Amino acid sequence: MSAKDEILGRIRSALADAPVAPEVPREYRKTSDMGEAELIELLVDRLVDYKAGVDVIDAAQIPEFVAAKLAGASSVVYPHGLDTSWLSALGESVEQRVDAPGARLGIAELDETSAVVTSSAVSVAESGTIILDGEPNQGRRAISLVPDQHVCIVPVSSIVRLLPEAMPRLTITRPQTWISGPSATSDIELERVEGVHGPRTLDVLMVRGL
């Protein structure tokens, strides 16, 4: 018998007379009939309250707005699956760095990169939460957590009202990043400090027709 088998055997023995766990009631809301305009309004309200910058735009405006948000950046990283046309309006002064499997940027390189541009998997309007699940257009967690500014593309079609509506849209085996505004924390005196464990600045481009 291996040590693992012995440990598991002892656990089973200890739990042999444990009471059966009761069925957990799941009577919370699972669906919503909120329309697109209401979803946009609710998500914008939550994100602005969290001190994120938010613009509601059309798909054709993405390059223009990405360039405007990155006007002060010297470099930007993007995941290998991102639509590079979204970066087409960036000036030559902004160095573009792609992060791809087999050619990943190191932490030092990411740390010296001004900003990151990603798409997103799904957004929950009621909580103001944007979720990334590591798809090629979102990249690995490190690229969205290390640079100081995150420009996040949120397709309007990916916005839902409730968390139970969001979960079926996610690839649950992928590492996920849940974002509710810029990274922030408070010390014992309730002094807000931004950028401690993620981007100091979050700019959200909510895109109709995407």
N, C-alpha and C. Protein backbone atom coordinates (compact mmCIF):
# COMPACT_ATOMS: atom_id res chain seq x y z
N MET A 1 0.86 -1.20 0.00
CA MET A 1 0.00 0.00 0.00
C MET A 1 0.88 1.24 0.00
N SER A 2 0.54 2.18 -0.87
CA SER A 2 1.31 3.42 -0.94
C SER A 2 0.88 4.36 0.18
N ALA A 3 1.70 5.39 0.42
CA ALA A 3 1.36 6.38 1.44
C ALA A 3 0.05 7.10 1.09
N LYS A 4 -0.13 7.34 -0.22
CA LYS A 4 -1.37 8.00 -0.65
C LYS A 4 -2.58 7.15 -0.32
N ASP A 5 -2.51 5.85 -0.63
CA ASP A 5 -3.63 4.96 -0.35
C ASP A 5 -3.92 4.90 1.15
N GLU A 6 -2.85 4.87 1.94
CA GLU A 6 -3.03 4.81 3.39
C GLU A 6 -3.72 6.07 3.92
N ILE A 7 -3.31 7.23 3.42
CA ILE A 7 -3.91 8.49 3.86
C ILE A 7 -5.38 8.55 3.48
N LEU A 8 -5.67 8.20 2.21
CA LEU A 8 -7.07 8.23 1.77
C LEU A 8 -7.91 7.21 2.54
N GLY A 9 -7.31 6.06 2.85
CA GLY A 9 -8.04 5.06 3.62
C GLY A 9 -8.40 5.58 5.00
N ARG A 10 -7.47 6.26 5.64
CA ARG A 10 -7.74 6.82 6.97
C ARG A 10 -8.84 7.88 6.91
N ILE A 11 -8.82 8.70 5.83
CA ILE A 11 -9.86 9.73 5.67
C ILE A 11 -11.23 9.07 5.51
N ARG A 12 -11.31 8.04 4.66
CA ARG A 12 -12.59 7.35 4.46
C ARG A 12 -13.08 6.74 5.78
N SER A 13 -12.16 6.17 6.55
CA SER A 13 -12.53 5.57 7.83
C SER A 13 -13.07 6.62 8.79
N ALA A 14 -12.42 7.77 8.83
CA ALA A 14 -12.83 8.84 9.73
C ALA A 14 -14.19 9.41 9.34
N LEU A 15 -14.52 9.36 8.06
CA LEU A 15 -15.78 9.93 7.58
C LEU A 15 -16.89 8.91 7.44
N ALA A 16 -16.61 7.68 7.84
CA ALA A 16 -17.58 6.60 7.62
C ALA A 16 -18.92 6.87 8.29
N ASP A 17 -18.92 7.48 9.48
CA ASP A 17 -20.17 7.71 10.20
C ASP A 17 -20.63 9.16 10.10
N ALA A 18 -20.08 9.91 9.15
CA ALA A 18 -20.47 11.31 8.98
C ALA A 18 -21.88 11.38 8.40
N PRO A 19 -22.67 12.37 8.82
CA PRO A 19 -24.03 12.50 8.28
C PRO A 19 -23.98 12.86 6.79
N VAL A 20 -25.01 12.48 6.09
CA VAL A 20 -25.10 12.81 4.67
C VAL A 20 -25.32 14.30 4.51
N ALA A 21 -24.55 14.91 3.64
CA ALA A 21 -24.68 16.36 3.42
C ALA A 21 -26.05 16.66 2.81
N PRO A 22 -26.74 17.67 3.34
CA PRO A 22 -28.06 18.00 2.80
C PRO A 22 -27.94 18.59 1.40
N GLU A 23 -29.01 18.47 0.64
CA GLU A 23 -29.04 19.08 -0.69
C GLU A 23 -29.02 20.59 -0.55
N VAL A 24 -28.16 21.24 -1.30
CA VAL A 24 -28.04 22.69 -1.22
C VAL A 24 -29.13 23.33 -2.08
N PRO A 25 -29.99 24.17 -1.50
CA PRO A 25 -31.02 24.82 -2.31
C PRO A 25 -30.39 25.83 -3.27
N ARG A 26 -30.85 25.83 -4.50
CA ARG A 26 -30.32 26.76 -5.50
C ARG A 26 -31.48 27.55 -6.09
N GLU A 27 -32.00 28.44 -5.26
CA GLU A 27 -33.17 29.20 -5.64
C GLU A 27 -32.84 30.62 -6.09
N TYR A 28 -31.54 30.88 -6.28
CA TYR A 28 -31.14 32.21 -6.73
C TYR A 28 -31.50 32.41 -8.20
N ARG A 29 -31.45 33.66 -8.63
CA ARG A 29 -31.78 33.98 -10.03
C ARG A 29 -30.71 33.41 -10.95
N LYS A 30 -31.15 32.79 -12.03
CA LYS A 30 -30.21 32.19 -12.98
C LYS A 30 -30.30 32.83 -14.36
N THR A 31 -31.35 33.56 -14.62
CA THR A 31 -31.52 34.20 -15.92
C THR A 31 -32.06 35.61 -15.74
N SER A 32 -31.90 36.39 -16.77
CA SER A 32 -32.39 37.77 -16.76
C SER A 32 -32.90 38.12 -18.14
N ASP A 33 -33.91 38.98 -18.18
CA ASP A 33 -34.44 39.43 -19.47
C ASP A 33 -34.06 40.88 -19.76
N MET A 34 -33.01 41.37 -19.11
CA MET A 34 -32.56 42.74 -19.30
C MET A 34 -32.06 42.93 -20.72
N GLY A 35 -32.47 44.00 -21.39
CA GLY A 35 -32.09 44.29 -22.76
C GLY A 35 -30.68 44.83 -22.88
N GLU A 36 -30.19 44.91 -24.14
CA GLU A 36 -28.81 45.33 -24.37
C GLU A 36 -28.51 46.70 -23.82
N ALA A 37 -29.38 47.68 -24.07
CA ALA A 37 -29.14 49.03 -23.59
C ALA A 37 -29.07 49.08 -22.08
N GLU A 38 -29.93 48.32 -21.41
CA GLU A 38 -29.93 48.30 -19.94
C GLU A 38 -28.66 47.63 -19.41
N LEU A 39 -28.22 46.56 -20.08
CA LEU A 39 -26.99 45.88 -19.67
C LEU A 39 -25.79 46.82 -19.77
N ILE A 40 -25.71 47.55 -20.88
CA ILE A 40 -24.61 48.50 -21.07
C ILE A 40 -24.63 49.55 -19.97
N GLU A 41 -25.81 50.11 -19.73
CA GLU A 41 -25.94 51.17 -18.73
C GLU A 41 -25.53 50.68 -17.34
N LEU A 42 -25.96 49.46 -16.99
CA LEU A 42 -25.64 48.92 -15.67
C LEU A 42 -24.15 48.63 -15.53
N LEU A 43 -23.54 48.03 -16.55
CA LEU A 43 -22.11 47.73 -16.48
C LEU A 43 -21.28 49.01 -16.45
N VAL A 44 -21.65 49.99 -17.24
CA VAL A 44 -20.93 51.28 -17.23
C VAL A 44 -21.01 51.89 -15.84
N ASP A 45 -22.19 51.89 -15.24
CA ASP A 45 -22.38 52.47 -13.90
C ASP A 45 -21.46 51.80 -12.88
N ARG A 46 -21.39 50.48 -12.92
CA ARG A 46 -20.56 49.76 -11.96
C ARG A 46 -19.07 50.04 -12.18
N LEU A 47 -18.63 50.01 -13.45
CA LEU A 47 -17.22 50.21 -13.75
C LEU A 47 -16.77 51.63 -13.40
N VAL A 48 -17.60 52.61 -13.69
CA VAL A 48 -17.26 53.99 -13.35
C VAL A 48 -17.16 54.15 -11.83
N ASP A 49 -18.06 53.48 -11.11
CA ASP A 49 -18.02 53.53 -9.65
C ASP A 49 -16.73 52.93 -9.11
N TYR A 50 -16.17 51.95 -9.85
CA TYR A 50 -14.91 51.33 -9.46
C TYR A 50 -13.69 52.13 -9.95
N LYS A 51 -13.95 53.30 -10.54
CA LYS A 51 -12.89 54.20 -11.02
C LYS A 51 -12.19 53.69 -12.29
N ALA A 52 -12.91 52.94 -13.11
CA ALA A 52 -12.39 52.54 -14.43
C ALA A 52 -12.82 53.59 -15.46
N GLY A 53 -12.01 53.74 -16.50
CA GLY A 53 -12.41 54.58 -17.62
C GLY A 53 -13.24 53.75 -18.59
N VAL A 54 -14.37 54.26 -19.04
CA VAL A 54 -15.27 53.47 -19.89
C VAL A 54 -15.73 54.30 -21.09
N ASP A 55 -15.67 53.67 -22.28
CA ASP A 55 -16.23 54.27 -23.49
C ASP A 55 -17.07 53.22 -24.19
N VAL A 56 -18.24 53.61 -24.67
CA VAL A 56 -19.10 52.73 -25.45
C VAL A 56 -18.96 53.15 -26.91
N ILE A 57 -18.44 52.25 -27.75
CA ILE A 57 -18.09 52.60 -29.11
C ILE A 57 -18.58 51.53 -30.09
N ASP A 58 -18.42 51.82 -31.38
CA ASP A 58 -18.69 50.84 -32.43
C ASP A 58 -17.39 50.15 -32.82
N ALA A 59 -17.51 48.98 -33.44
CA ALA A 59 -16.34 48.18 -33.77
C ALA A 59 -15.32 48.94 -34.62
N ALA A 60 -15.81 49.76 -35.54
CA ALA A 60 -14.91 50.49 -36.43
C ALA A 60 -14.07 51.53 -35.69
N GLN A 61 -14.46 51.88 -34.49
CA GLN A 61 -13.76 52.92 -33.71
C GLN A 61 -12.67 52.35 -32.81
N ILE A 62 -12.54 51.04 -32.77
CA ILE A 62 -11.57 50.44 -31.84
C ILE A 62 -10.15 50.98 -32.04
N PRO A 63 -9.58 50.97 -33.26
CA PRO A 63 -8.20 51.47 -33.40
C PRO A 63 -8.02 52.90 -32.90
N GLU A 64 -9.00 53.76 -33.21
CA GLU A 64 -8.92 55.16 -32.79
C GLU A 64 -8.89 55.29 -31.28
N PHE A 65 -9.77 54.56 -30.59
CA PHE A 65 -9.86 54.68 -29.14
C PHE A 65 -8.69 53.99 -28.44
N VAL A 66 -8.21 52.87 -28.98
CA VAL A 66 -7.04 52.22 -28.39
C VAL A 66 -5.84 53.18 -28.46
N ALA A 67 -5.67 53.82 -29.61
CA ALA A 67 -4.56 54.77 -29.76
C ALA A 67 -4.69 55.93 -28.78
N ALA A 68 -5.91 56.40 -28.57
CA ALA A 68 -6.12 57.52 -27.64
C ALA A 68 -5.80 57.11 -26.21
N LYS A 69 -6.20 55.89 -25.83
CA LYS A 69 -5.95 55.44 -24.47
C LYS A 69 -4.46 55.21 -24.22
N LEU A 70 -3.72 54.88 -25.29
CA LEU A 70 -2.30 54.59 -25.15
C LEU A 70 -1.42 55.77 -25.57
N ALA A 71 -2.00 56.95 -25.59
CA ALA A 71 -1.27 58.14 -26.06
C ALA A 71 0.00 58.39 -25.23
N GLY A 72 -0.03 58.04 -23.97
CA GLY A 72 1.14 58.28 -23.11
C GLY A 72 2.03 57.09 -22.91
N ALA A 73 1.74 55.99 -23.62
CA ALA A 73 2.50 54.76 -23.42
C ALA A 73 3.71 54.71 -24.34
N SER A 74 4.79 54.12 -23.86
CA SER A 74 5.98 53.93 -24.70
C SER A 74 6.02 52.52 -25.29
N SER A 75 5.28 51.59 -24.67
CA SER A 75 5.27 50.22 -25.16
C SER A 75 3.96 49.55 -24.75
N VAL A 76 3.56 48.54 -25.52
CA VAL A 76 2.33 47.82 -25.23
C VAL A 76 2.54 46.34 -25.56
N VAL A 77 1.99 45.47 -24.71
CA VAL A 77 2.03 44.03 -24.98
C VAL A 77 0.61 43.58 -25.33
N TYR A 78 0.52 42.60 -26.21
CA TYR A 78 -0.79 42.07 -26.55
C TYR A 78 -0.68 40.56 -26.77
N PRO A 79 -1.75 39.80 -26.50
CA PRO A 79 -1.71 38.35 -26.68
C PRO A 79 -1.69 37.99 -28.16
N HIS A 80 -1.14 36.82 -28.48
CA HIS A 80 -0.93 36.45 -29.88
C HIS A 80 -2.23 36.29 -30.66
N GLY A 81 -3.35 36.08 -29.98
CA GLY A 81 -4.62 35.90 -30.69
C GLY A 81 -5.43 37.17 -30.83
N LEU A 82 -4.90 38.30 -30.42
CA LEU A 82 -5.64 39.56 -30.52
C LEU A 82 -5.71 40.02 -31.98
N ASP A 83 -6.82 40.63 -32.34
CA ASP A 83 -6.96 41.22 -33.67
C ASP A 83 -6.01 42.42 -33.77
N THR A 84 -4.93 42.27 -34.52
CA THR A 84 -3.90 43.33 -34.56
C THR A 84 -4.38 44.60 -35.26
N SER A 85 -5.49 44.53 -35.99
CA SER A 85 -6.03 45.75 -36.60
C SER A 85 -6.45 46.74 -35.52
N TRP A 86 -6.73 46.24 -34.31
CA TRP A 86 -7.10 47.13 -33.21
C TRP A 86 -5.94 48.03 -32.80
N LEU A 87 -4.72 47.65 -33.16
CA LEU A 87 -3.53 48.43 -32.79
C LEU A 87 -3.01 49.24 -33.96
N SER A 88 -3.75 49.25 -35.06
CA SER A 88 -3.24 49.84 -36.31
C SER A 88 -3.06 51.35 -36.26
N ALA A 89 -3.73 52.02 -35.31
CA ALA A 89 -3.62 53.48 -35.24
C ALA A 89 -2.53 53.94 -34.27
N LEU A 90 -1.82 53.00 -33.66
CA LEU A 90 -0.74 53.38 -32.74
C LEU A 90 0.41 54.00 -33.51
N GLY A 91 1.00 55.02 -32.95
CA GLY A 91 2.14 55.67 -33.58
C GLY A 91 3.40 54.83 -33.47
N GLU A 92 4.40 55.18 -34.24
CA GLU A 92 5.66 54.44 -34.23
C GLU A 92 6.40 54.56 -32.90
N SER A 93 6.03 55.55 -32.11
CA SER A 93 6.71 55.75 -30.83
C SER A 93 6.29 54.70 -29.79
N VAL A 94 5.20 53.99 -30.07
CA VAL A 94 4.74 52.95 -29.14
C VAL A 94 5.25 51.59 -29.61
N GLU A 95 6.15 51.00 -28.86
CA GLU A 95 6.69 49.69 -29.22
C GLU A 95 5.65 48.61 -28.94
N GLN A 96 5.39 47.76 -29.92
CA GLN A 96 4.41 46.70 -29.79
C GLN A 96 5.12 45.37 -29.52
N ARG A 97 4.71 44.69 -28.47
CA ARG A 97 5.32 43.42 -28.09
C ARG A 97 4.23 42.35 -28.01
N VAL A 98 4.42 41.25 -28.71
CA VAL A 98 3.44 40.16 -28.68
C VAL A 98 3.91 39.08 -27.71
N ASP A 99 2.96 38.57 -26.92
CA ASP A 99 3.24 37.46 -26.01
C ASP A 99 2.57 36.22 -26.58
N ALA A 100 3.36 35.20 -26.88
CA ALA A 100 2.84 34.01 -27.55
C ALA A 100 3.42 32.76 -26.92
N PRO A 101 2.73 31.62 -27.03
CA PRO A 101 3.31 30.36 -26.56
C PRO A 101 4.64 30.09 -27.24
N GLY A 102 5.65 29.78 -26.47
CA GLY A 102 6.98 29.55 -27.03
C GLY A 102 7.79 30.82 -27.18
N ALA A 103 7.15 31.97 -27.01
CA ALA A 103 7.85 33.25 -27.09
C ALA A 103 7.27 34.21 -26.06
N ARG A 104 7.22 33.73 -24.82
CA ARG A 104 6.63 34.52 -23.75
C ARG A 104 7.60 35.58 -23.24
N LEU A 105 7.04 36.73 -22.93
CA LEU A 105 7.86 37.79 -22.35
C LEU A 105 8.12 37.47 -20.88
N GLY A 106 9.31 37.77 -20.42
CA GLY A 106 9.65 37.55 -19.01
C GLY A 106 9.02 38.60 -18.13
N ILE A 107 9.02 38.35 -16.83
CA ILE A 107 8.43 39.30 -15.88
C ILE A 107 9.12 40.66 -15.96
N ALA A 108 10.44 40.66 -16.11
CA ALA A 108 11.16 41.94 -16.21
C ALA A 108 10.72 42.71 -17.45
N GLU A 109 10.51 42.00 -18.57
CA GLU A 109 10.06 42.67 -19.80
C GLU A 109 8.64 43.21 -19.62
N LEU A 110 7.78 42.42 -18.99
CA LEU A 110 6.42 42.89 -18.75
C LEU A 110 6.41 44.08 -17.79
N ASP A 111 7.29 44.04 -16.81
CA ASP A 111 7.33 45.11 -15.81
C ASP A 111 7.72 46.44 -16.42
N GLU A 112 8.54 46.40 -17.46
CA GLU A 112 8.95 47.65 -18.10
C GLU A 112 8.03 48.03 -19.26
N THR A 113 6.99 47.24 -19.50
CA THR A 113 6.02 47.55 -20.55
C THR A 113 4.93 48.44 -19.98
N SER A 114 4.59 49.50 -20.71
CA SER A 114 3.65 50.50 -20.19
C SER A 114 2.23 49.98 -20.04
N ALA A 115 1.76 49.18 -21.01
CA ALA A 115 0.35 48.83 -21.04
C ALA A 115 0.12 47.48 -21.71
N VAL A 116 -1.08 46.97 -21.56
CA VAL A 116 -1.50 45.73 -22.21
C VAL A 116 -2.87 45.96 -22.83
N VAL A 117 -3.11 45.33 -23.98
CA VAL A 117 -4.42 45.36 -24.62
C VAL A 117 -4.91 43.93 -24.76
N THR A 118 -6.11 43.65 -24.24
CA THR A 118 -6.68 42.31 -24.37
C THR A 118 -8.16 42.43 -24.73
N SER A 119 -8.72 41.32 -25.16
CA SER A 119 -10.17 41.21 -25.25
C SER A 119 -10.65 40.61 -23.94
N SER A 120 -11.89 40.12 -23.89
CA SER A 120 -12.43 39.53 -22.67
C SER A 120 -13.42 38.43 -23.03
N ALA A 121 -13.68 37.56 -22.05
CA ALA A 121 -14.56 36.41 -22.31
C ALA A 121 -16.03 36.75 -22.06
N VAL A 122 -16.31 37.29 -20.89
CA VAL A 122 -17.69 37.63 -20.51
C VAL A 122 -17.64 38.67 -19.41
N SER A 123 -18.68 39.50 -19.33
CA SER A 123 -18.73 40.53 -18.29
C SER A 123 -20.07 40.45 -17.57
N VAL A 124 -20.04 40.61 -16.25
CA VAL A 124 -21.24 40.53 -15.42
C VAL A 124 -21.64 41.95 -15.02
N ALA A 125 -22.74 42.42 -15.57
CA ALA A 125 -23.14 43.81 -15.36
C ALA A 125 -23.48 44.10 -13.91
N GLU A 126 -24.17 43.21 -13.25
CA GLU A 126 -24.65 43.48 -11.89
C GLU A 126 -23.51 43.70 -10.90
N SER A 127 -22.39 43.01 -11.08
CA SER A 127 -21.25 43.18 -10.19
C SER A 127 -20.14 44.03 -10.79
N GLY A 128 -20.28 44.39 -12.07
CA GLY A 128 -19.24 45.18 -12.73
C GLY A 128 -17.95 44.41 -12.91
N THR A 129 -18.07 43.13 -13.22
CA THR A 129 -16.90 42.25 -13.30
C THR A 129 -16.62 41.82 -14.74
N ILE A 130 -15.39 42.01 -15.18
CA ILE A 130 -14.94 41.55 -16.50
C ILE A 130 -14.09 40.30 -16.27
N ILE A 131 -14.37 39.25 -17.03
CA ILE A 131 -13.68 37.98 -16.81
C ILE A 131 -12.85 37.61 -18.04
N LEU A 132 -11.58 37.29 -17.81
CA LEU A 132 -10.68 36.78 -18.84
C LEU A 132 -10.43 35.31 -18.53
N ASP A 133 -10.47 34.46 -19.56
CA ASP A 133 -10.25 33.03 -19.29
C ASP A 133 -9.13 32.42 -20.11
N GLY A 134 -8.19 33.26 -20.55
CA GLY A 134 -6.98 32.74 -21.18
C GLY A 134 -7.12 32.34 -22.62
N GLU A 135 -8.23 32.70 -23.28
CA GLU A 135 -8.33 32.45 -24.72
C GLU A 135 -7.22 33.22 -25.44
N PRO A 136 -6.87 32.83 -26.68
CA PRO A 136 -5.75 33.49 -27.39
C PRO A 136 -5.88 35.01 -27.51
N ASN A 137 -7.11 35.54 -27.53
CA ASN A 137 -7.26 37.00 -27.64
C ASN A 137 -7.19 37.69 -26.27
N GLN A 138 -6.99 36.89 -25.22
CA GLN A 138 -6.86 37.45 -23.87
C GLN A 138 -5.49 37.17 -23.26
N GLY A 139 -4.88 36.05 -23.65
CA GLY A 139 -3.54 35.75 -23.20
C GLY A 139 -3.48 35.19 -21.79
N ARG A 140 -2.26 34.92 -21.36
CA ARG A 140 -2.05 34.37 -20.01
C ARG A 140 -2.21 35.47 -18.96
N ARG A 141 -2.43 35.05 -17.73
CA ARG A 141 -2.75 35.98 -16.66
C ARG A 141 -1.68 37.06 -16.45
N ALA A 142 -0.41 36.68 -16.59
CA ALA A 142 0.68 37.61 -16.27
C ALA A 142 0.63 38.88 -17.09
N ILE A 143 0.24 38.77 -18.36
CA ILE A 143 0.31 39.98 -19.20
C ILE A 143 -0.76 41.00 -18.82
N SER A 144 -1.85 40.53 -18.20
CA SER A 144 -2.90 41.47 -17.80
C SER A 144 -2.74 41.94 -16.35
N LEU A 145 -1.74 41.42 -15.64
CA LEU A 145 -1.55 41.77 -14.24
C LEU A 145 -0.30 42.60 -13.97
N VAL A 146 0.71 42.50 -14.85
CA VAL A 146 1.98 43.18 -14.56
C VAL A 146 2.05 44.61 -15.10
N PRO A 147 1.72 44.88 -16.38
CA PRO A 147 1.79 46.27 -16.86
C PRO A 147 0.88 47.19 -16.07
N ASP A 148 1.20 48.47 -16.06
CA ASP A 148 0.51 49.44 -15.21
C ASP A 148 -0.85 49.86 -15.76
N GLN A 149 -1.08 49.67 -17.05
CA GLN A 149 -2.35 50.07 -17.67
C GLN A 149 -2.92 48.90 -18.46
N HIS A 150 -4.22 48.69 -18.33
CA HIS A 150 -4.90 47.62 -19.07
C HIS A 150 -6.02 48.25 -19.89
N VAL A 151 -5.92 48.10 -21.21
CA VAL A 151 -7.00 48.50 -22.10
C VAL A 151 -7.74 47.21 -22.47
N CYS A 152 -8.99 47.10 -22.04
CA CYS A 152 -9.73 45.85 -22.20
C CYS A 152 -10.92 46.06 -23.14
N ILE A 153 -10.98 45.23 -24.17
CA ILE A 153 -12.07 45.28 -25.13
C ILE A 153 -13.19 44.36 -24.63
N VAL A 154 -14.37 44.92 -24.46
CA VAL A 154 -15.53 44.16 -23.99
C VAL A 154 -16.60 44.16 -25.07
N PRO A 155 -16.77 43.04 -25.79
CA PRO A 155 -17.86 42.97 -26.77
C PRO A 155 -19.21 43.09 -26.06
N VAL A 156 -20.09 43.94 -26.57
CA VAL A 156 -21.40 44.09 -25.96
C VAL A 156 -22.14 42.75 -25.94
N SER A 157 -21.90 41.93 -26.94
CA SER A 157 -22.57 40.63 -27.02
C SER A 157 -22.15 39.69 -25.89
N SER A 158 -21.06 40.00 -25.19
CA SER A 158 -20.58 39.13 -24.12
C SER A 158 -21.04 39.58 -22.74
N ILE A 159 -21.86 40.62 -22.67
CA ILE A 159 -22.32 41.15 -21.38
C ILE A 159 -23.58 40.41 -20.94
N VAL A 160 -23.58 39.93 -19.72
CA VAL A 160 -24.76 39.34 -19.11
C VAL A 160 -25.05 40.08 -17.81
N ARG A 161 -26.23 39.89 -17.28
CA ARG A 161 -26.56 40.58 -16.04
C ARG A 161 -26.05 39.85 -14.80
N LEU A 162 -26.24 38.51 -14.78
CA LEU A 162 -26.03 37.73 -13.57
C LEU A 162 -24.84 36.78 -13.71
N LEU A 163 -24.21 36.48 -12.58
CA LEU A 163 -23.10 35.54 -12.58
C LEU A 163 -23.50 34.16 -13.09
N PRO A 164 -24.67 33.60 -12.69
CA PRO A 164 -25.05 32.29 -13.22
C PRO A 164 -25.20 32.26 -14.74
N GLU A 165 -25.42 33.41 -15.36
CA GLU A 165 -25.48 33.47 -16.82
C GLU A 165 -24.07 33.45 -17.42
N ALA A 166 -23.10 33.93 -16.66
CA ALA A 166 -21.73 34.02 -17.17
C ALA A 166 -21.00 32.69 -17.14
N MET A 167 -21.22 31.89 -16.10
CA MET A 167 -20.43 30.69 -15.90
C MET A 167 -20.45 29.72 -17.08
N PRO A 168 -21.61 29.46 -17.73
CA PRO A 168 -21.60 28.52 -18.86
C PRO A 168 -20.78 29.01 -20.06
N ARG A 169 -20.46 30.30 -20.10
CA ARG A 169 -19.69 30.85 -21.21
C ARG A 169 -18.18 30.70 -21.01
N LEU A 170 -17.78 30.27 -19.83
CA LEU A 170 -16.35 30.22 -19.51
C LEU A 170 -15.79 28.82 -19.69
N THR A 171 -14.52 28.78 -20.07
CA THR A 171 -13.79 27.52 -20.09
C THR A 171 -13.21 27.31 -18.70
N ILE A 172 -13.88 26.48 -17.90
CA ILE A 172 -13.56 26.45 -16.47
C ILE A 172 -12.22 25.80 -16.17
N THR A 173 -11.63 25.11 -17.14
CA THR A 173 -10.32 24.49 -16.90
C THR A 173 -9.18 25.48 -17.14
N ARG A 174 -9.49 26.68 -17.63
CA ARG A 174 -8.45 27.68 -17.88
C ARG A 174 -8.26 28.57 -16.65
N PRO A 175 -7.05 29.06 -16.40
CA PRO A 175 -6.86 30.05 -15.34
C PRO A 175 -7.63 31.32 -15.68
N GLN A 176 -8.38 31.83 -14.74
CA GLN A 176 -9.24 32.98 -15.01
C GLN A 176 -8.77 34.21 -14.25
N THR A 177 -9.08 35.37 -14.80
CA THR A 177 -8.81 36.64 -14.14
C THR A 177 -10.13 37.41 -14.08
N TRP A 178 -10.57 37.73 -12.89
CA TRP A 178 -11.83 38.47 -12.69
C TRP A 178 -11.47 39.89 -12.30
N ILE A 179 -11.94 40.84 -13.07
CA ILE A 179 -11.53 42.24 -12.91
C ILE A 179 -12.75 43.09 -12.56
N SER A 180 -12.67 43.78 -11.44
CA SER A 180 -13.71 44.75 -11.06
C SER A 180 -13.02 46.07 -10.78
N GLY A 181 -12.70 46.80 -11.83
CA GLY A 181 -12.01 48.07 -11.70
C GLY A 181 -10.50 47.92 -11.62
N PRO A 182 -9.77 49.03 -11.52
CA PRO A 182 -8.32 48.97 -11.37
C PRO A 182 -7.94 48.24 -10.09
N SER A 183 -6.74 47.69 -10.06
CA SER A 183 -6.26 47.03 -8.85
C SER A 183 -6.19 48.04 -7.71
N ALA A 184 -6.78 47.70 -6.57
CA ALA A 184 -6.76 48.63 -5.44
C ALA A 184 -6.89 47.87 -4.14
N THR A 185 -6.35 48.44 -3.09
CA THR A 185 -6.50 47.88 -1.75
C THR A 185 -6.50 49.04 -0.76
N SER A 186 -6.83 48.76 0.48
CA SER A 186 -6.84 49.79 1.52
C SER A 186 -6.07 49.30 2.73
N ASP A 187 -5.35 50.20 3.38
CA ASP A 187 -4.63 49.81 4.58
C ASP A 187 -5.55 49.95 5.79
N ILE A 188 -5.00 49.77 6.98
CA ILE A 188 -5.83 49.77 8.19
C ILE A 188 -6.51 51.12 8.42
N GLU A 189 -5.95 52.18 7.85
CA GLU A 189 -6.55 53.51 7.99
C GLU A 189 -7.49 53.82 6.83
N LEU A 190 -7.79 52.80 6.00
CA LEU A 190 -8.70 52.92 4.86
C LEU A 190 -8.19 53.88 3.80
N GLU A 191 -6.87 54.00 3.69
CA GLU A 191 -6.28 54.78 2.62
C GLU A 191 -6.21 53.90 1.37
N ARG A 192 -6.85 54.33 0.30
CA ARG A 192 -6.89 53.54 -0.93
C ARG A 192 -5.56 53.64 -1.66
N VAL A 193 -5.02 52.49 -2.03
CA VAL A 193 -3.76 52.43 -2.79
C VAL A 193 -4.03 51.62 -4.05
N GLU A 194 -3.71 52.19 -5.21
CA GLU A 194 -3.99 51.52 -6.48
C GLU A 194 -2.71 50.94 -7.09
N GLY A 195 -2.87 49.85 -7.83
CA GLY A 195 -1.76 49.25 -8.53
C GLY A 195 -0.91 48.31 -7.72
N VAL A 196 -1.43 47.82 -6.59
CA VAL A 196 -0.63 46.96 -5.71
C VAL A 196 -0.47 45.57 -6.32
N HIS A 197 -1.56 45.01 -6.83
CA HIS A 197 -1.50 43.64 -7.35
C HIS A 197 -2.14 43.54 -8.73
N GLY A 198 -1.94 44.57 -9.53
CA GLY A 198 -2.48 44.58 -10.89
C GLY A 198 -2.39 45.98 -11.46
N PRO A 199 -2.98 46.20 -12.64
CA PRO A 199 -2.87 47.51 -13.29
C PRO A 199 -3.45 48.65 -12.45
N ARG A 200 -2.75 49.76 -12.45
CA ARG A 200 -3.22 50.96 -11.75
C ARG A 200 -4.36 51.64 -12.51
N THR A 201 -4.36 51.46 -13.84
CA THR A 201 -5.35 52.10 -14.70
C THR A 201 -6.07 51.05 -15.53
N LEU A 202 -7.40 51.06 -15.50
CA LEU A 202 -8.21 50.17 -16.33
C LEU A 202 -9.06 51.01 -17.26
N ASP A 203 -8.86 50.83 -18.57
CA ASP A 203 -9.68 51.50 -19.57
C ASP A 203 -10.48 50.43 -20.31
N VAL A 204 -11.80 50.56 -20.28
CA VAL A 204 -12.69 49.58 -20.88
C VAL A 204 -13.33 50.17 -22.13
N LEU A 205 -13.18 49.48 -23.25
CA LEU A 205 -13.85 49.86 -24.48
C LEU A 205 -14.97 48.86 -24.71
N MET A 206 -16.21 49.31 -24.48
CA MET A 206 -17.38 48.46 -24.65
C MET A 206 -17.84 48.59 -26.09
N VAL A 207 -17.78 47.52 -26.84
CA VAL A 207 -17.90 47.61 -28.30
C VAL A 207 -19.21 47.01 -28.79
N ARG A 208 -20.02 47.86 -29.41
CA ARG A 208 -21.24 47.39 -30.08
C ARG A 208 -20.88 46.73 -31.41
N GLY A 209 -21.59 45.70 -31.78
CA GLY A 209 -21.35 45.04 -33.05
C GLY A 209 -20.17 44.10 -33.02
N LEU A 210 -19.74 43.70 -31.85
CA LEU A 210 -18.58 42.79 -31.73
C LEU A 210 -18.97 41.57 -30.93
